[in-house]
Amino acid sequence: METLFPQSCLLCSSWQAGPLGICVGCLDDMPWHMDNACPQCALPSSDNMLCGQCLKTPPAFDAARSLFQYRFPLSAVLQQYKYGQLLTIARTMGLLVAEHIGRQSAADCIIPMPLHRRRLQERSFNQSAEIAKVVSEQLHIPLALQACARIKPTPPQASLPYKQRIRNMQGAFECRAALKDMRVILLDDVMTTGASLDALAKTVKDAGASHVECWVIARTIAE
């Protein structure tokens, strides 16, 4: 199929993209973030040790892993996916997550970051859920699309200070599934301060989850 119908690279339009949709050269140039990161919040940390913030005030989730740093060209790719509805990117990112993050996972289910129904109507798809479908298929981990819901509409978090983000997320989610003693993966596209994932992790743990890990495509790194 690749010979008969070659796919062009999402970044450089080369016809050497292969099954991922990104050519080897562009993939090598992506801002990978797999090493020297805090194992709990995925911010840079020497020797993969817990960072000072997680030692002082640990988040509700037990671990976080990110494929990339949120910077160009990855940032442009994700913006095109989210706002330009370039849905082929979901498969590319799902395959990369499965290959580089998920192979050793012993999780019981994957829960994508929920969108409030108003936001879902505006966008017509949940970007995290589309990626989670691919990861679930690749790793044979059950996908719990309806386990959690976003019941409180919140403004876009990106433009808000950290304390406001935390206040916004209070009471934002509810869990509609029994998760007693389950190991849960929360999947999101971008992790900025982690306020949304922290709030969702608290909700999931209140429902009985024993271990909560966050998998994200990109982590925002403060300059």
Protein backbone atom coordinates (compact mmCIF):
# COMPACT_ATOMS: atom_id res chain seq x y z
CA MET A 1 0.00 0.00 0.00
CA GLU A 2 2.86 2.40 0.80
CA THR A 3 4.40 1.69 -2.61
CA LEU A 4 1.15 2.16 -4.52
CA PHE A 5 -0.15 5.10 -2.47
CA PRO A 6 2.83 6.82 -0.78
CA GLN A 7 1.98 9.32 1.94
CA SER A 8 3.65 12.71 1.96
CA CYS A 9 5.40 13.90 5.12
CA LEU A 10 3.22 16.12 7.30
CA LEU A 11 6.09 18.57 7.71
CA CYS A 12 8.19 18.68 4.55
CA SER A 13 5.88 17.03 1.97
CA SER A 14 8.54 14.43 1.12
CA TRP A 15 7.16 11.19 -0.31
CA GLN A 16 9.31 9.21 2.13
CA ALA A 17 6.91 9.54 5.05
CA GLY A 18 6.18 5.86 5.64
CA PRO A 19 3.47 4.57 8.00
CA LEU A 20 3.93 7.37 10.56
CA GLY A 21 3.25 10.15 8.06
CA ILE A 22 6.51 11.89 9.01
CA CYS A 23 9.80 11.22 7.23
CA VAL A 24 12.86 10.04 9.14
CA GLY A 25 14.63 13.39 8.83
CA CYS A 26 11.71 15.40 10.20
CA LEU A 27 11.12 12.86 12.96
CA ASP A 28 14.75 13.20 14.06
CA ASP A 29 14.33 16.98 14.17
CA MET A 30 11.28 16.86 16.43
CA PRO A 31 11.78 18.21 20.00
CA TRP A 32 11.92 14.83 21.74
CA HIS A 33 11.50 14.83 25.51
CA MET A 34 12.16 11.26 26.63
CA ASP A 35 15.28 11.71 28.78
CA ASN A 36 16.26 13.75 31.84
CA ALA A 37 12.71 14.43 32.95
CA CYS A 38 11.04 14.26 36.34
CA PRO A 39 9.22 10.91 36.43
CA GLN A 40 6.20 12.45 38.14
CA CYS A 41 5.54 15.69 36.25
CA ALA A 42 7.75 15.30 33.14
CA LEU A 43 9.51 18.64 33.55
CA PRO A 44 13.28 18.62 32.90
CA SER A 45 15.22 17.06 35.77
CA SER A 46 18.79 15.85 35.88
CA ASP A 47 19.29 12.09 36.02
CA ASN A 48 15.51 11.52 35.80
CA MET A 49 15.11 12.38 39.50
CA LEU A 50 11.99 13.80 41.12
CA CYS A 51 12.03 17.58 40.78
CA GLY A 52 11.85 19.91 43.76
CA GLN A 53 8.24 20.88 43.09
CA CYS A 54 7.04 17.26 43.08
CA LEU A 55 8.99 16.55 46.26
CA LYS A 56 7.42 19.57 47.94
CA THR A 57 3.88 19.43 46.53
CA PRO A 58 3.29 16.18 44.62
CA PRO A 59 0.41 16.15 42.11
CA ALA A 60 -2.45 13.67 42.36
CA PHE A 61 -1.08 11.59 39.48
CA ASP A 62 1.76 9.19 40.18
CA ALA A 63 3.76 9.60 36.98
CA ALA A 64 3.81 11.55 33.73
CA ARG A 65 5.52 10.87 30.43
CA SER A 66 5.77 13.13 27.41
CA LEU A 67 6.96 12.38 23.89
CA PHE A 68 7.99 15.91 23.00
CA GLN A 69 8.58 19.39 24.31
CA TYR A 70 5.88 21.78 23.17
CA ARG A 71 7.82 23.85 20.68
CA PHE A 72 8.18 24.20 16.92
CA PRO A 73 7.59 22.25 14.74
CA LEU A 74 5.58 19.99 17.04
CA SER A 75 3.52 22.94 18.33
CA ALA A 76 2.46 23.81 14.79
CA VAL A 77 1.53 20.20 14.07
CA LEU A 78 -0.70 19.97 17.14
CA GLN A 79 -2.37 23.30 16.45
CA GLN A 80 -3.16 22.16 12.92
CA TYR A 81 -4.58 18.96 14.35
CA LYS A 82 -6.72 20.61 17.01
CA TYR A 83 -7.97 23.67 15.13
CA GLY A 84 -7.52 22.62 11.50
CA GLN A 85 -9.07 19.19 11.99
CA LEU A 86 -6.14 17.39 10.38
CA LEU A 87 -7.22 14.10 11.90
CA THR A 88 -4.48 12.00 10.28
CA ILE A 89 -2.17 13.40 12.96
CA ALA A 90 -4.09 11.41 15.59
CA ARG A 91 -2.83 8.14 14.14
CA THR A 92 0.73 9.43 13.85
CA MET A 93 0.82 10.56 17.46
CA GLY A 94 -0.97 7.46 18.72
CA LEU A 95 1.58 5.20 17.05
CA LEU A 96 4.46 7.20 18.50
CA VAL A 97 2.98 7.08 22.01
CA ALA A 98 2.46 3.34 21.78
CA GLU A 99 6.00 2.75 20.53
CA HIS A 100 7.96 5.07 22.79
CA ILE A 101 5.90 5.29 25.98
CA GLY A 102 3.49 2.42 26.26
CA ARG A 103 5.25 -0.85 25.53
CA GLN A 104 5.99 -1.65 29.18
CA SER A 105 2.62 -0.54 30.52
CA ALA A 106 0.50 -2.77 32.73
CA ALA A 107 -2.48 -0.42 32.82
CA ASP A 108 -6.10 -1.51 33.11
CA CYS A 109 -7.61 1.29 31.02
CA ILE A 110 -6.96 4.52 29.15
CA ILE A 111 -9.08 7.60 29.85
CA PRO A 112 -8.65 10.52 27.42
CA MET A 113 -8.98 14.06 28.74
CA PRO A 114 -12.73 14.81 28.45
CA LEU A 115 -14.10 17.87 26.68
CA HIS A 116 -17.16 19.69 27.92
CA ARG A 117 -20.12 19.04 25.62
CA ARG A 118 -20.14 22.66 24.44
CA ARG A 119 -16.48 22.49 23.41
CA LEU A 120 -17.08 19.13 21.76
CA GLN A 121 -19.91 20.60 19.72
CA GLU A 122 -17.72 23.50 18.64
CA ARG A 123 -14.76 21.33 17.66
CA SER A 124 -16.72 18.23 16.51
CA PHE A 125 -14.08 15.86 17.93
CA ASN A 126 -12.03 15.26 21.06
CA GLN A 127 -8.37 15.45 20.05
CA SER A 128 -7.20 13.39 23.03
CA ALA A 129 -9.80 10.69 22.46
CA GLU A 130 -8.79 10.23 18.82
CA ILE A 131 -5.17 9.65 19.84
CA ALA A 132 -6.25 7.38 22.71
CA LYS A 133 -8.17 5.15 20.29
CA VAL A 134 -4.97 4.43 18.39
CA VAL A 135 -2.95 3.81 21.56
CA SER A 136 -5.64 1.47 22.90
CA GLU A 137 -5.65 -0.48 19.65
CA GLN A 138 -1.87 -0.78 19.51
CA LEU A 139 -1.33 -1.75 23.15
CA HIS A 140 -4.55 -3.72 23.70
CA ILE A 141 -5.45 -1.62 26.72
CA PRO A 142 -9.20 -1.02 27.13
CA LEU A 143 -10.36 2.48 26.24
CA ALA A 144 -12.76 3.99 28.77
CA LEU A 145 -14.27 6.82 26.75
CA GLN A 146 -17.28 7.27 29.00
CA ALA A 147 -15.56 6.77 32.36
CA CYS A 148 -15.14 10.48 33.06
CA ALA A 149 -16.97 13.61 31.98
CA ARG A 150 -16.18 17.30 32.08
CA ILE A 151 -19.22 18.76 33.79
CA LYS A 152 -18.01 22.33 34.24
CA PRO A 153 -17.28 24.54 31.23
CA THR A 154 -13.95 26.26 31.70
CA PRO A 155 -12.27 28.97 29.63
CA PRO A 156 -9.14 28.00 27.66
CA GLN A 157 -6.38 27.41 30.19
CA ALA A 158 -3.45 28.56 28.07
CA SER A 159 -3.90 32.28 28.72
CA LEU A 160 -4.49 32.02 32.47
CA PRO A 161 -2.05 32.18 35.42
CA TYR A 162 -1.42 28.97 37.34
CA LYS A 163 -3.56 29.77 40.39
CA GLN A 164 -6.50 30.69 38.19
CA ARG A 165 -6.14 27.43 36.29
CA ILE A 166 -6.36 25.50 39.55
CA ARG A 167 -9.50 27.39 40.61
CA ASN A 168 -11.05 26.80 37.18
CA MET A 169 -10.56 23.05 37.46
CA GLN A 170 -12.19 22.62 40.86
CA GLY A 171 -15.27 20.46 40.35
CA ALA A 172 -14.65 20.29 36.59
CA PHE A 173 -14.83 16.49 36.28
CA GLU A 174 -16.89 13.59 37.50
CA CYS A 175 -16.17 9.87 37.24
CA ARG A 176 -18.97 7.60 36.05
CA ALA A 177 -17.16 4.28 36.34
CA ALA A 178 -15.99 2.00 39.13
CA LEU A 179 -12.19 2.10 39.09
CA LYS A 180 -11.38 0.33 42.35
CA ASP A 181 -7.74 -0.80 42.44
CA MET A 182 -7.28 -0.05 38.75
CA ARG A 183 -4.13 1.31 37.11
CA VAL A 184 -5.30 4.17 34.90
CA ILE A 185 -3.65 6.09 32.09
CA LEU A 186 -4.86 9.64 31.47
CA LEU A 187 -4.06 10.72 27.91
CA ASP A 188 -3.90 14.36 26.81
CA ASP A 189 -2.36 16.21 23.90
CA VAL A 190 -0.50 19.00 25.74
CA MET A 191 0.47 19.35 29.38
CA THR A 192 1.19 22.94 30.38
CA THR A 193 0.99 23.40 34.14
CA GLY A 194 -0.70 20.05 34.72
CA ALA A 195 -3.72 21.63 36.45
CA SER A 196 -6.28 19.84 34.27
CA LEU A 197 -4.58 16.46 34.56
CA ASP A 198 -4.16 16.93 38.31
CA ALA A 199 -7.87 17.63 38.73
CA LEU A 200 -8.81 14.64 36.58
CA ALA A 201 -6.37 12.41 38.49
CA LYS A 202 -7.97 13.44 41.80
CA THR A 203 -11.38 12.52 40.41
CA VAL A 204 -10.15 9.16 39.16
CA LYS A 205 -8.45 8.35 42.46
CA ASP A 206 -11.60 9.31 44.35
CA ALA A 207 -13.31 6.63 42.23
CA GLY A 208 -10.85 4.04 43.53
CA ALA A 209 -7.94 4.04 41.07
CA SER A 210 -4.73 2.80 42.70
CA HIS A 211 -2.25 4.29 40.25
CA VAL A 212 -2.68 7.12 37.75
CA GLU A 213 -0.18 7.89 35.01
CA CYS A 214 -0.37 10.74 32.50
CA TRP A 215 0.75 10.24 28.89
CA VAL A 216 0.96 13.38 26.79
CA ILE A 217 2.16 14.24 23.33
CA ALA A 218 3.93 17.41 24.45
CA ARG A 219 5.03 19.10 27.66
CA THR A 220 5.36 22.86 27.87
CA ILE A 221 8.83 23.74 29.14
CA ALA A 222 9.39 27.14 30.71
CA GLU A 223 12.25 29.06 29.06
